[in-house]
Amino acid sequence: MLTSCFKDYNEDFLITKKTVEFEDAVVNSNASGRNYPLLGHIFELNGTVSYRVNMFGEQSDVPQQIAYRVVEEQTTAVEGTDFRFVTGNSLTVPAHSSFGYLQVEVLPTIAGSKLLVIELLGNDQVEVSPNYRMVGIPMSDAVLKPDPNVVVDHGDYFHVTELTLGGDNNTDLGCFLDMQTGNIYNWEAAALFPDKANVAYFHSGPNYANFVFPGLSSMSTAWGPYYNRIRNWSVAPTGTVVRYTNIQPADDAIFDNISSAATIEAAVLAAQANVGVRHGSASTYGPGERVRSLANGDIVFLYSSTHDFYAVIRVIEAVQGSSTDPEVSSKYTMKFEYKVQK
């Protein structure tokens, strides 16, 4: 009797119609106000990213080509500019298999943060699960590489002749700098590669433009919510900075006359020793965890204790002011050049 009951149950409820769904839509909740989940950020540096598609019901004796589409009305990413489908306009579920993979690659030409929303369409033999047919994939450039022409190799040091860094609230241009390469990292990329975030540009109301080491304790009071994110990094970069302002010709000569890794180190050590005489003990000048109120022409002397290198920075253009308008604060930038030991 028991055997007969189980047989009847299976015959009544066995699913034979082939149906596809996104695995990520099954295991993740829908985002607020959306009928699909938002998945983890992907970047150019991730290479090809695969998303599993499940096919339940009877397996097929032949491969099944599962079509999908970009949901244009909810997508800001542009195919061919921001991303490409490695799998073309359909993915394959092989014969005698229950899984296929949609593959996406973020392109080097992407600028800023974008969203790609994808919907499975199935085919004439395979239906689509109504609840698990869509996913949203945030993507961004994450790492902005400098024009090769601005990174000049002098043997034992680099001279980066011009670079623009975004502020901490800038959604289009990262605020974290890898000084060894000139690469600029946004928040998502810095969390993945925190050892590359040597130094950062943060903007504060009373102190305007700041150079900071993101792993240092002063972050907890100056930018508490940011520090709570950074403290979860596997590496929290630290170091010491000094600021010279009211620049005179002799100060510019310090930067201009740097001609080796040794002269970079000497300039930084001299600034650490002399800044108290030059500017007094005000925290805005260092030596300290950050320097504040940066102005056009200022020279910053930096030592990275995490990575053990010295650098000298000359500010070309810094924003002297602050705004409560998010449209303004999200566009803060600082332009500078620097010389750094390899």
C-alpha atoms as a PDB file:
ATOM      1  CA  MET A   1       0.000   0.000   0.000  1.00  0.00           C
ATOM      2  CA  LEU A   2       2.814   2.433   0.837  1.00  0.00           C
ATOM      3  CA  THR A   3       4.574   1.727  -2.440  1.00  0.00           C
ATOM      4  CA  SER A   4       1.367   2.366  -4.342  1.00  0.00           C
ATOM      5  CA  CYS A   5       0.826   5.703  -2.532  1.00  0.00           C
ATOM      6  CA  PHE A   6       4.307   6.999  -3.367  1.00  0.00           C
ATOM      7  CA  LYS A   7       3.914   5.945  -6.978  1.00  0.00           C
ATOM      8  CA  ASP A   8       0.653   7.879  -7.272  1.00  0.00           C
ATOM      9  CA  TYR A   9       2.283  10.983  -5.655  1.00  0.00           C
ATOM     10  CA  ASN A  10       5.176  10.944  -8.080  1.00  0.00           C
ATOM     11  CA  GLU A  11       2.941  10.495 -11.074  1.00  0.00           C
ATOM     12  CA  ASP A  12       0.788  13.425  -9.980  1.00  0.00           C
ATOM     13  CA  PHE A  13       3.624  15.853  -9.161  1.00  0.00           C
ATOM     14  CA  LEU A  14       6.565  14.852 -11.313  1.00  0.00           C
ATOM     15  CA  ILE A  15       7.545  17.887 -13.395  1.00  0.00           C
ATOM     16  CA  THR A  16       8.237  16.899 -16.958  1.00  0.00           C
ATOM     17  CA  LYS A  17       8.001  20.302 -18.688  1.00  0.00           C
ATOM     18  CA  LYS A  18      11.435  21.801 -19.181  1.00  0.00           C
ATOM     19  CA  THR A  19      11.747  25.194 -17.445  1.00  0.00           C
ATOM     20  CA  VAL A  20      14.733  27.511 -16.888  1.00  0.00           C
ATOM     21  CA  GLU A  21      15.598  29.943 -14.077  1.00  0.00           C
ATOM     22  CA  PHE A  22      18.553  31.986 -12.854  1.00  0.00           C
ATOM     23  CA  GLU A  23      20.198  30.228  -9.917  1.00  0.00           C
ATOM     24  CA  ASP A  24      21.040  33.682  -8.482  1.00  0.00           C
ATOM     25  CA  ALA A  25      17.376  34.685  -8.621  1.00  0.00           C
ATOM     26  CA  VAL A  26      16.459  31.582  -6.614  1.00  0.00           C
ATOM     27  CA  VAL A  27      19.012  32.076  -3.807  1.00  0.00           C
ATOM     28  CA  ASN A  28      18.811  35.900  -3.543  1.00  0.00           C
ATOM     29  CA  SER A  29      15.856  38.041  -2.505  1.00  0.00           C
ATOM     30  CA  ASN A  30      14.474  40.658  -4.853  1.00  0.00           C
ATOM     31  CA  ALA A  31      15.855  44.165  -4.388  1.00  0.00           C
ATOM     32  CA  SER A  32      13.571  46.748  -2.817  1.00  0.00           C
ATOM     33  CA  GLY A  33      11.043  47.974  -5.378  1.00  0.00           C
ATOM     34  CA  ARG A  34      12.228  45.498  -8.024  1.00  0.00           C
ATOM     35  CA  ASN A  35      11.019  42.088  -9.187  1.00  0.00           C
ATOM     36  CA  TYR A  36      14.559  40.715  -9.410  1.00  0.00           C
ATOM     37  CA  PRO A  37      17.671  40.606  -7.193  1.00  0.00           C
ATOM     38  CA  LEU A  38      20.678  42.893  -7.589  1.00  0.00           C
ATOM     39  CA  LEU A  39      23.798  40.736  -7.730  1.00  0.00           C
ATOM     40  CA  GLY A  40      27.371  41.594  -6.800  1.00  0.00           C
ATOM     41  CA  HIS A  41      29.290  44.294  -8.672  1.00  0.00           C
ATOM     42  CA  ILE A  42      31.443  43.156 -11.581  1.00  0.00           C
ATOM     43  CA  PHE A  43      34.388  45.045 -13.052  1.00  0.00           C
ATOM     44  CA  GLU A  44      36.755  44.977 -15.984  1.00  0.00           C
ATOM     45  CA  LEU A  45      39.388  43.378 -13.757  1.00  0.00           C
ATOM     46  CA  ASN A  46      37.073  40.410 -13.050  1.00  0.00           C
ATOM     47  CA  GLY A  47      37.381  39.114 -16.623  1.00  0.00           C
ATOM     48  CA  THR A  48      34.502  36.862 -17.726  1.00  0.00           C
ATOM     49  CA  VAL A  49      31.804  36.323 -15.095  1.00  0.00           C
ATOM     50  CA  SER A  50      29.419  33.340 -15.338  1.00  0.00           C
ATOM     51  CA  TYR A  51      25.827  33.129 -14.100  1.00  0.00           C
ATOM     52  CA  ARG A  52      24.300  29.669 -13.770  1.00  0.00           C
ATOM     53  CA  VAL A  53      20.949  28.937 -15.367  1.00  0.00           C
ATOM     54  CA  ASN A  54      19.082  25.865 -14.076  1.00  0.00           C
ATOM     55  CA  MET A  55      16.841  23.756 -16.293  1.00  0.00           C
ATOM     56  CA  PHE A  56      14.467  21.549 -14.342  1.00  0.00           C
ATOM     57  CA  GLY A  57      12.062  18.984 -15.688  1.00  0.00           C
ATOM     58  CA  GLU A  58      13.154  16.292 -18.116  1.00  0.00           C
ATOM     59  CA  GLN A  59      16.694  16.609 -19.402  1.00  0.00           C
ATOM     60  CA  SER A  60      17.003  17.014 -23.131  1.00  0.00           C
ATOM     61  CA  ASP A  61      18.620  14.556 -25.538  1.00  0.00           C
ATOM     62  CA  VAL A  62      19.902  17.505 -27.574  1.00  0.00           C
ATOM     63  CA  PRO A  63      21.498  20.830 -26.544  1.00  0.00           C
ATOM     64  CA  GLN A  64      18.999  23.580 -25.741  1.00  0.00           C
ATOM     65  CA  GLN A  65      19.712  27.165 -26.809  1.00  0.00           C
ATOM     66  CA  ILE A  66      18.134  29.461 -24.234  1.00  0.00           C
ATOM     67  CA  ALA A  67      17.508  33.002 -25.449  1.00  0.00           C
ATOM     68  CA  TYR A  68      17.664  36.038 -23.186  1.00  0.00           C
ATOM     69  CA  ARG A  69      17.262  39.775 -23.563  1.00  0.00           C
ATOM     70  CA  VAL A  70      18.424  43.045 -22.033  1.00  0.00           C
ATOM     71  CA  VAL A  71      15.548  44.723 -20.181  1.00  0.00           C
ATOM     72  CA  GLU A  72      16.132  48.098 -21.799  1.00  0.00           C
ATOM     73  CA  GLU A  73      13.756  50.122 -19.655  1.00  0.00           C
ATOM     74  CA  GLN A  74      15.672  49.229 -16.490  1.00  0.00           C
ATOM     75  CA  THR A  75      19.204  48.979 -17.892  1.00  0.00           C
ATOM     76  CA  THR A  76      21.744  51.804 -17.998  1.00  0.00           C
ATOM     77  CA  ALA A  77      24.667  49.731 -19.333  1.00  0.00           C
ATOM     78  CA  VAL A  78      25.269  49.800 -23.087  1.00  0.00           C
ATOM     79  CA  GLU A  79      26.204  46.593 -24.895  1.00  0.00           C
ATOM     80  CA  GLY A  80      29.435  46.998 -26.836  1.00  0.00           C
ATOM     81  CA  THR A  81      30.526  50.001 -24.754  1.00  0.00           C
ATOM     82  CA  ASP A  82      30.088  48.901 -21.152  1.00  0.00           C
ATOM     83  CA  PHE A  83      29.838  45.120 -21.511  1.00  0.00           C
ATOM     84  CA  ARG A  84      29.525  42.240 -23.933  1.00  0.00           C
ATOM     85  CA  PHE A  85      27.785  38.879 -23.770  1.00  0.00           C
ATOM     86  CA  VAL A  86      30.492  36.250 -24.201  1.00  0.00           C
ATOM     87  CA  THR A  87      27.718  33.735 -24.907  1.00  0.00           C
ATOM     88  CA  GLY A  88      26.177  35.843 -27.687  1.00  0.00           C
ATOM     89  CA  ASN A  89      22.390  36.232 -27.678  1.00  0.00           C
ATOM     90  CA  SER A  90      21.698  32.805 -26.153  1.00  0.00           C
ATOM     91  CA  LEU A  91      23.283  30.321 -23.766  1.00  0.00           C
ATOM     92  CA  THR A  92      23.542  26.554 -24.108  1.00  0.00           C
ATOM     93  CA  VAL A  93      22.240  23.867 -21.787  1.00  0.00           C
ATOM     94  CA  PRO A  94      24.125  20.778 -23.062  1.00  0.00           C
ATOM     95  CA  ALA A  95      22.343  17.528 -23.831  1.00  0.00           C
ATOM     96  CA  HIS A  96      21.667  15.384 -20.748  1.00  0.00           C
ATOM     97  CA  SER A  97      22.441  18.334 -18.466  1.00  0.00           C
ATOM     98  CA  SER A  98      20.418  20.551 -16.140  1.00  0.00           C
ATOM     99  CA  PHE A  99      22.714  23.601 -16.200  1.00  0.00           C
ATOM    100  CA  GLY A 100      23.917  26.267 -18.586  1.00  0.00           C
ATOM    101  CA  TYR A 101      25.881  29.487 -18.074  1.00  0.00           C
ATOM    102  CA  LEU A 102      25.355  33.046 -19.240  1.00  0.00           C
ATOM    103  CA  GLN A 103      28.711  34.840 -19.463  1.00  0.00           C
ATOM    104  CA  VAL A 104      29.289  38.604 -19.241  1.00  0.00           C
ATOM    105  CA  GLU A 105      32.470  40.655 -19.616  1.00  0.00           C
ATOM    106  CA  VAL A 106      32.833  44.293 -18.549  1.00  0.00           C
ATOM    107  CA  LEU A 107      34.681  46.293 -21.208  1.00  0.00           C
ATOM    108  CA  PRO A 108      37.580  48.730 -20.637  1.00  0.00           C
ATOM    109  CA  THR A 109      35.480  51.498 -22.210  1.00  0.00           C
ATOM    110  CA  ILE A 110      32.923  51.521 -19.384  1.00  0.00           C
ATOM    111  CA  ALA A 111      32.774  54.822 -17.483  1.00  0.00           C
ATOM    112  CA  GLY A 112      31.196  55.084 -14.052  1.00  0.00           C
ATOM    113  CA  SER A 113      28.607  52.747 -12.514  1.00  0.00           C
ATOM    114  CA  LYS A 114      25.987  51.038 -14.684  1.00  0.00           C
ATOM    115  CA  LEU A 115      23.234  48.428 -14.295  1.00  0.00           C
ATOM    116  CA  LEU A 116      22.483  45.510 -16.612  1.00  0.00           C
ATOM    117  CA  VAL A 117      19.104  43.754 -16.213  1.00  0.00           C
ATOM    118  CA  ILE A 118      18.717  40.434 -18.043  1.00  0.00           C
ATOM    119  CA  GLU A 119      15.593  38.342 -18.637  1.00  0.00           C
ATOM    120  CA  LEU A 120      15.529  34.713 -19.760  1.00  0.00           C
ATOM    121  CA  LEU A 121      13.250  34.009 -22.751  1.00  0.00           C
ATOM    122  CA  GLY A 122      13.641  30.245 -23.189  1.00  0.00           C
ATOM    123  CA  ASN A 123      12.681  28.647 -26.522  1.00  0.00           C
ATOM    124  CA  ASP A 124       9.777  26.741 -28.073  1.00  0.00           C
ATOM    125  CA  GLN A 125      10.581  23.661 -25.962  1.00  0.00           C
ATOM    126  CA  VAL A 126      11.706  25.324 -22.729  1.00  0.00           C
ATOM    127  CA  GLU A 127       9.564  27.623 -20.589  1.00  0.00           C
ATOM    128  CA  VAL A 128      10.805  30.295 -18.197  1.00  0.00           C
ATOM    129  CA  SER A 129      10.114  30.381 -14.468  1.00  0.00           C
ATOM    130  CA  PRO A 130       7.992  33.521 -13.898  1.00  0.00           C
ATOM    131  CA  ASN A 131       9.531  34.260 -10.476  1.00  0.00           C
ATOM    132  CA  TYR A 132      13.186  33.627 -11.276  1.00  0.00           C
ATOM    133  CA  ARG A 133      13.588  34.826 -14.838  1.00  0.00           C
ATOM    134  CA  MET A 134      15.462  38.126 -14.203  1.00  0.00           C
ATOM    135  CA  VAL A 135      18.612  39.383 -12.503  1.00  0.00           C
ATOM    136  CA  GLY A 136      20.229  42.810 -12.183  1.00  0.00           C
ATOM    137  CA  ILE A 137      24.014  43.070 -12.500  1.00  0.00           C
ATOM    138  CA  PRO A 138      25.711  46.286 -11.312  1.00  0.00           C
ATOM    139  CA  MET A 139      28.965  46.997 -13.118  1.00  0.00           C
ATOM    140  CA  SER A 140      31.562  49.754 -13.156  1.00  0.00           C
ATOM    141  CA  ASP A 141      35.042  50.614 -14.333  1.00  0.00           C
ATOM    142  CA  ALA A 142      36.325  50.207 -10.747  1.00  0.00           C
ATOM    143  CA  VAL A 143      39.901  50.833 -11.836  1.00  0.00           C
ATOM    144  CA  LEU A 144      40.775  53.854 -13.959  1.00  0.00           C
ATOM    145  CA  LYS A 145      44.171  53.456 -15.582  1.00  0.00           C
ATOM    146  CA  PRO A 146      46.134  56.623 -16.402  1.00  0.00           C
ATOM    147  CA  ASP A 147      47.159  57.615 -19.889  1.00  0.00           C
ATOM    148  CA  PRO A 148      50.524  55.866 -20.366  1.00  0.00           C
ATOM    149  CA  ASN A 149      52.006  59.185 -21.500  1.00  0.00           C
ATOM    150  CA  VAL A 150      51.637  60.706 -18.015  1.00  0.00           C
ATOM    151  CA  VAL A 151      53.603  57.944 -16.241  1.00  0.00           C
ATOM    152  CA  VAL A 152      57.295  58.674 -16.909  1.00  0.00           C
ATOM    153  CA  ASP A 153      59.786  55.996 -15.861  1.00  0.00           C
ATOM    154  CA  HIS A 154      63.048  57.413 -14.497  1.00  0.00           C
ATOM    155  CA  GLY A 155      64.646  54.118 -13.531  1.00  0.00           C
ATOM    156  CA  ASP A 156      64.254  54.004  -9.753  1.00  0.00           C
ATOM    157  CA  TYR A 157      61.218  56.309  -9.550  1.00  0.00           C
ATOM    158  CA  PHE A 158      58.125  57.322 -11.503  1.00  0.00           C
ATOM    159  CA  HIS A 159      56.980  60.846 -12.305  1.00  0.00           C
ATOM    160  CA  VAL A 160      53.219  60.952 -12.855  1.00  0.00           C
ATOM    161  CA  THR A 161      52.869  64.308 -14.589  1.00  0.00           C
ATOM    162  CA  GLU A 162      49.111  64.837 -14.152  1.00  0.00           C
ATOM    163  CA  LEU A 163      46.364  62.838 -12.485  1.00  0.00           C
ATOM    164  CA  THR A 164      42.811  63.621 -11.369  1.00  0.00           C
ATOM    165  CA  LEU A 165      41.388  61.819  -8.349  1.00  0.00           C
ATOM    166  CA  GLY A 166      37.720  61.814  -7.371  1.00  0.00           C
ATOM    167  CA  GLY A 167      36.445  62.698  -3.906  1.00  0.00           C
ATOM    168  CA  ASP A 168      35.053  60.129  -1.477  1.00  0.00           C
ATOM    169  CA  ASN A 169      31.489  60.835  -2.682  1.00  0.00           C
ATOM    170  CA  ASN A 170      32.329  60.856  -6.392  1.00  0.00           C
ATOM    171  CA  THR A 171      30.381  58.023  -8.038  1.00  0.00           C
ATOM    172  CA  ASP A 172      32.111  58.349 -11.415  1.00  0.00           C
ATOM    173  CA  LEU A 173      35.772  58.680 -10.426  1.00  0.00           C
ATOM    174  CA  GLY A 174      37.407  56.663  -7.653  1.00  0.00           C
ATOM    175  CA  CYS A 175      38.993  58.291  -4.616  1.00  0.00           C
ATOM    176  CA  PHE A 176      41.695  55.659  -3.891  1.00  0.00           C
ATOM    177  CA  LEU A 177      45.112  55.813  -5.572  1.00  0.00           C
ATOM    178  CA  ASP A 178      47.710  53.137  -6.208  1.00  0.00           C
ATOM    179  CA  MET A 179      50.735  55.425  -6.352  1.00  0.00           C
ATOM    180  CA  GLN A 180      52.965  52.782  -7.896  1.00  0.00           C
ATOM    181  CA  THR A 181      50.855  52.602 -11.066  1.00  0.00           C
ATOM    182  CA  GLY A 182      48.668  55.721 -11.070  1.00  0.00           C
ATOM    183  CA  ASN A 183      45.587  53.466 -11.111  1.00  0.00           C
ATOM    184  CA  ILE A 184      42.505  54.943  -9.430  1.00  0.00           C
ATOM    185  CA  TYR A 185      40.149  52.590  -7.546  1.00  0.00           C
ATOM    186  CA  ASN A 186      36.543  53.182  -6.596  1.00  0.00           C
ATOM    187  CA  TRP A 187      35.037  51.884  -3.352  1.00  0.00           C
ATOM    188  CA  GLU A 188      34.066  48.474  -4.719  1.00  0.00           C
ATOM    189  CA  ALA A 189      37.466  47.822  -6.266  1.00  0.00           C
ATOM    190  CA  ALA A 190      39.352  49.062  -3.199  1.00  0.00           C
ATOM    191  CA  ALA A 191      37.391  46.593  -1.068  1.00  0.00           C
ATOM    192  CA  LEU A 192      38.517  43.795  -3.402  1.00  0.00           C
ATOM    193  CA  PHE A 193      42.131  45.003  -3.622  1.00  0.00           C
ATOM    194  CA  PRO A 194      42.737  47.067  -0.464  1.00  0.00           C
ATOM    195  CA  ASP A 195      46.513  46.708  -0.709  1.00  0.00           C
ATOM    196  CA  LYS A 196      46.340  48.920  -3.815  1.00  0.00           C
ATOM    197  CA  ALA A 197      44.587  51.814  -2.024  1.00  0.00           C
ATOM    198  CA  ASN A 198      47.804  53.519  -0.909  1.00  0.00           C
ATOM    199  CA  VAL A 199      46.221  56.905  -0.256  1.00  0.00           C
ATOM    200  CA  ALA A 200      42.834  58.585  -0.779  1.00  0.00           C
ATOM    201  CA  TYR A 201      41.253  61.980  -1.435  1.00  0.00           C
ATOM    202  CA  PHE A 202      38.419  62.700   0.994  1.00  0.00           C
ATOM    203  CA  HIS A 203      36.475  65.961   1.154  1.00  0.00           C
ATOM    204  CA  SER A 204      35.162  67.329   4.448  1.00  0.00           C
ATOM    205  CA  GLY A 205      33.012  70.356   5.274  1.00  0.00           C
ATOM    206  CA  PRO A 206      35.433  72.405   7.396  1.00  0.00           C
ATOM    207  CA  ASN A 207      38.713  71.039   5.997  1.00  0.00           C
ATOM    208  CA  TYR A 208      37.897  70.710   2.300  1.00  0.00           C
ATOM    209  CA  ALA A 209      40.430  68.635   0.363  1.00  0.00           C
ATOM    210  CA  ASN A 210      42.257  65.981   2.409  1.00  0.00           C
ATOM    211  CA  PHE A 211      44.934  63.424   1.601  1.00  0.00           C
ATOM    212  CA  VAL A 212      44.404  60.498   3.970  1.00  0.00           C
ATOM    213  CA  PHE A 213      45.673  56.992   4.565  1.00  0.00           C
ATOM    214  CA  PRO A 214      42.415  55.015   4.660  1.00  0.00           C
ATOM    215  CA  GLY A 215      43.558  52.553   7.321  1.00  0.00           C
ATOM    216  CA  LEU A 216      44.425  55.070  10.012  1.00  0.00           C
ATOM    217  CA  SER A 217      42.477  55.617  13.223  1.00  0.00           C
ATOM    218  CA  SER A 218      41.560  59.257  12.518  1.00  0.00           C
ATOM    219  CA  MET A 219      39.138  57.933   9.902  1.00  0.00           C
ATOM    220  CA  SER A 220      36.903  56.704  12.732  1.00  0.00           C
ATOM    221  CA  THR A 221      36.133  60.247  13.901  1.00  0.00           C
ATOM    222  CA  ALA A 222      36.430  62.198  10.652  1.00  0.00           C
ATOM    223  CA  TRP A 223      34.514  59.747   8.432  1.00  0.00           C
ATOM    224  CA  GLY A 224      32.918  57.172  10.716  1.00  0.00           C
ATOM    225  CA  PRO A 225      30.624  55.424   8.186  1.00  0.00           C
ATOM    226  CA  TYR A 226      33.522  55.122   5.727  1.00  0.00           C
ATOM    227  CA  TYR A 227      35.836  53.778   8.396  1.00  0.00           C
ATOM    228  CA  ASN A 228      33.311  51.053   9.217  1.00  0.00           C
ATOM    229  CA  ARG A 229      33.624  49.872   5.633  1.00  0.00           C
ATOM    230  CA  ILE A 230      37.396  50.130   5.511  1.00  0.00           C
ATOM    231  CA  ARG A 231      37.974  48.273   8.778  1.00  0.00           C
ATOM    232  CA  ASN A 232      36.635  45.137   7.051  1.00  0.00           C
ATOM    233  CA  TRP A 233      39.370  45.272   4.416  1.00  0.00           C
ATOM    234  CA  SER A 234      42.055  42.589   4.611  1.00  0.00           C
ATOM    235  CA  VAL A 235      44.703  45.351   4.399  1.00  0.00           C
ATOM    236  CA  ALA A 236      44.278  48.856   5.825  1.00  0.00           C
ATOM    237  CA  PRO A 237      47.003  51.089   4.320  1.00  0.00           C
ATOM    238  CA  THR A 238      48.791  53.429   6.725  1.00  0.00           C
ATOM    239  CA  GLY A 239      51.491  56.088   6.563  1.00  0.00           C
ATOM    240  CA  THR A 240      52.516  59.672   7.309  1.00  0.00           C
ATOM    241  CA  VAL A 241      51.962  62.904   5.376  1.00  0.00           C
ATOM    242  CA  VAL A 242      53.283  66.472   5.610  1.00  0.00           C
ATOM    243  CA  ARG A 243      51.874  69.551   3.872  1.00  0.00           C
ATOM    244  CA  TYR A 244      53.712  72.683   2.739  1.00  0.00           C
ATOM    245  CA  THR A 245      51.513  75.612   1.721  1.00  0.00           C
ATOM    246  CA  ASN A 246      52.150  79.251   0.733  1.00  0.00           C
ATOM    247  CA  ILE A 247      54.647  77.828  -1.691  1.00  0.00           C
ATOM    248  CA  GLN A 248      57.762  79.829  -2.523  1.00  0.00           C
ATOM    249  CA  PRO A 249      60.202  79.273  -5.439  1.00  0.00           C
ATOM    250  CA  ALA A 250      62.537  77.365  -3.111  1.00  0.00           C
ATOM    251  CA  ASP A 251      59.692  74.963  -2.287  1.00  0.00           C
ATOM    252  CA  ASP A 252      58.897  74.331  -5.941  1.00  0.00           C
ATOM    253  CA  ALA A 253      62.600  73.677  -6.442  1.00  0.00           C
ATOM    254  CA  ILE A 254      62.402  70.811  -3.949  1.00  0.00           C
ATOM    255  CA  PHE A 255      59.935  69.056  -6.249  1.00  0.00           C
ATOM    256  CA  ASP A 256      61.557  70.092  -9.525  1.00  0.00           C
ATOM    257  CA  ASN A 257      65.043  69.004  -8.450  1.00  0.00           C
ATOM    258  CA  ILE A 258      64.051  65.455  -7.501  1.00  0.00           C
ATOM    259  CA  SER A 259      66.109  63.199  -9.725  1.00  0.00           C
ATOM    260  CA  SER A 260      66.249  59.824  -7.961  1.00  0.00           C
ATOM    261  CA  ALA A 261      64.557  57.595  -5.391  1.00  0.00           C
ATOM    262  CA  ALA A 262      67.148  58.786  -2.863  1.00  0.00           C
ATOM    263  CA  THR A 263      66.272  62.465  -3.346  1.00  0.00           C
ATOM    264  CA  ILE A 264      62.572  61.653  -2.889  1.00  0.00           C
ATOM    265  CA  GLU A 265      63.310  60.024   0.470  1.00  0.00           C
ATOM    266  CA  ALA A 266      65.570  62.899   1.511  1.00  0.00           C
ATOM    267  CA  ALA A 267      62.884  65.466   0.654  1.00  0.00           C
ATOM    268  CA  VAL A 268      60.243  63.618   2.703  1.00  0.00           C
ATOM    269  CA  LEU A 269      62.492  63.174   5.743  1.00  0.00           C
ATOM    270  CA  ALA A 270      63.508  66.846   5.622  1.00  0.00           C
ATOM    271  CA  ALA A 271      59.873  67.949   5.465  1.00  0.00           C
ATOM    272  CA  GLN A 272      58.966  65.741   8.436  1.00  0.00           C
ATOM    273  CA  ALA A 273      61.778  67.342  10.430  1.00  0.00           C
ATOM    274  CA  ASN A 274      61.150  70.940   9.343  1.00  0.00           C
ATOM    275  CA  VAL A 275      57.366  71.319   9.098  1.00  0.00           C
ATOM    276  CA  GLY A 276      57.006  72.248  12.763  1.00  0.00           C
ATOM    277  CA  VAL A 277      59.360  75.192  12.308  1.00  0.00           C
ATOM    278  CA  ARG A 278      57.777  76.212   9.030  1.00  0.00           C
ATOM    279  CA  HIS A 279      54.094  76.023   9.985  1.00  0.00           C
ATOM    280  CA  GLY A 280      53.874  75.406  13.696  1.00  0.00           C
ATOM    281  CA  SER A 281      52.122  72.428  15.267  1.00  0.00           C
ATOM    282  CA  ALA A 282      48.740  72.730  13.552  1.00  0.00           C
ATOM    283  CA  SER A 283      47.360  69.314  12.597  1.00  0.00           C
ATOM    284  CA  THR A 284      46.576  70.473   9.083  1.00  0.00           C
ATOM    285  CA  TYR A 285      50.299  70.413   8.216  1.00  0.00           C
ATOM    286  CA  GLY A 286      51.468  67.118   9.758  1.00  0.00           C
ATOM    287  CA  PRO A 287      53.391  64.975  10.226  1.00  0.00           C
ATOM    288  CA  GLY A 288      50.226  63.004  10.700  1.00  0.00           C
ATOM    289  CA  GLU A 289      47.710  60.554   9.353  1.00  0.00           C
ATOM    290  CA  ARG A 290      46.222  63.095   6.964  1.00  0.00           C
ATOM    291  CA  VAL A 291      46.685  66.660   5.749  1.00  0.00           C
ATOM    292  CA  ARG A 292      43.776  69.030   5.306  1.00  0.00           C
ATOM    293  CA  SER A 293      42.627  72.140   3.482  1.00  0.00           C
ATOM    294  CA  LEU A 294      44.850  71.448   0.481  1.00  0.00           C
ATOM    295  CA  ALA A 295      45.212  74.417  -1.852  1.00  0.00           C
ATOM    296  CA  ASN A 296      46.517  74.927  -5.365  1.00  0.00           C
ATOM    297  CA  GLY A 297      50.304  74.632  -5.463  1.00  0.00           C
ATOM    298  CA  ASP A 298      50.667  72.847  -2.107  1.00  0.00           C
ATOM    299  CA  ILE A 299      53.390  70.227  -1.823  1.00  0.00           C
ATOM    300  CA  VAL A 300      52.695  67.025   0.098  1.00  0.00           C
ATOM    301  CA  PHE A 301      55.436  64.749   1.399  1.00  0.00           C
ATOM    302  CA  LEU A 302      54.301  61.164   1.918  1.00  0.00           C
ATOM    303  CA  TYR A 303      55.637  57.965   3.426  1.00  0.00           C
ATOM    304  CA  SER A 304      53.655  54.721   3.055  1.00  0.00           C
ATOM    305  CA  SER A 305      54.457  52.507   6.042  1.00  0.00           C
ATOM    306  CA  THR A 306      52.328  49.682   4.615  1.00  0.00           C
ATOM    307  CA  HIS A 307      54.312  49.542   1.378  1.00  0.00           C
ATOM    308  CA  ASP A 308      57.549  51.267   2.463  1.00  0.00           C
ATOM    309  CA  PHE A 309      57.938  53.941  -0.197  1.00  0.00           C
ATOM    310  CA  TYR A 310      58.346  57.731  -0.249  1.00  0.00           C
ATOM    311  CA  ALA A 311      56.600  60.183  -2.583  1.00  0.00           C
ATOM    312  CA  VAL A 312      56.313  63.934  -3.140  1.00  0.00           C
ATOM    313  CA  ILE A 313      53.075  65.387  -4.524  1.00  0.00           C
ATOM    314  CA  ARG A 314      52.377  68.823  -6.008  1.00  0.00           C
ATOM    315  CA  VAL A 315      48.725  69.889  -6.030  1.00  0.00           C
ATOM    316  CA  ILE A 316      47.623  71.457  -9.298  1.00  0.00           C
ATOM    317  CA  GLU A 317      43.984  72.089  -8.454  1.00  0.00           C
ATOM    318  CA  ALA A 318      42.076  71.398  -5.224  1.00  0.00           C
ATOM    319  CA  VAL A 319      38.486  72.347  -4.388  1.00  0.00           C
ATOM    320  CA  GLN A 320      38.482  75.045  -1.716  1.00  0.00           C
ATOM    321  CA  GLY A 321      34.938  74.872  -0.456  1.00  0.00           C
ATOM    322  CA  SER A 322      32.192  72.432   0.370  1.00  0.00           C
ATOM    323  CA  SER A 323      28.583  71.928  -0.646  1.00  0.00           C
ATOM    324  CA  THR A 324      25.591  70.145   0.831  1.00  0.00           C
ATOM    325  CA  ASP A 325      24.234  69.663  -2.683  1.00  0.00           C
ATOM    326  CA  PRO A 326      24.894  65.983  -3.562  1.00  0.00           C
ATOM    327  CA  GLU A 327      25.043  66.888  -7.238  1.00  0.00           C
ATOM    328  CA  VAL A 328      28.038  69.107  -6.466  1.00  0.00           C
ATOM    329  CA  SER A 329      29.768  66.958  -3.850  1.00  0.00           C
ATOM    330  CA  SER A 330      29.512  63.859  -6.038  1.00  0.00           C
ATOM    331  CA  LYS A 331      31.729  65.600  -8.609  1.00  0.00           C
ATOM    332  CA  TYR A 332      34.595  66.789  -6.383  1.00  0.00           C
ATOM    333  CA  THR A 333      38.010  66.152  -7.916  1.00  0.00           C
ATOM    334  CA  MET A 334      41.628  67.033  -7.195  1.00  0.00           C
ATOM    335  CA  LYS A 335      44.357  67.333  -9.825  1.00  0.00           C
ATOM    336  CA  PHE A 336      48.044  66.826  -8.982  1.00  0.00           C
ATOM    337  CA  GLU A 337      51.393  65.429 -10.101  1.00  0.00           C
ATOM    338  CA  TYR A 338      53.794  63.336  -8.068  1.00  0.00           C
ATOM    339  CA  LYS A 339      57.134  61.577  -7.965  1.00  0.00           C
ATOM    340  CA  VAL A 340      57.295  58.212  -6.218  1.00  0.00           C
ATOM    341  CA  GLN A 341      59.945  55.619  -5.468  1.00  0.00           C
ATOM    342  CA  LYS A 342      59.477  52.324  -7.214  1.00  0.00           C
END
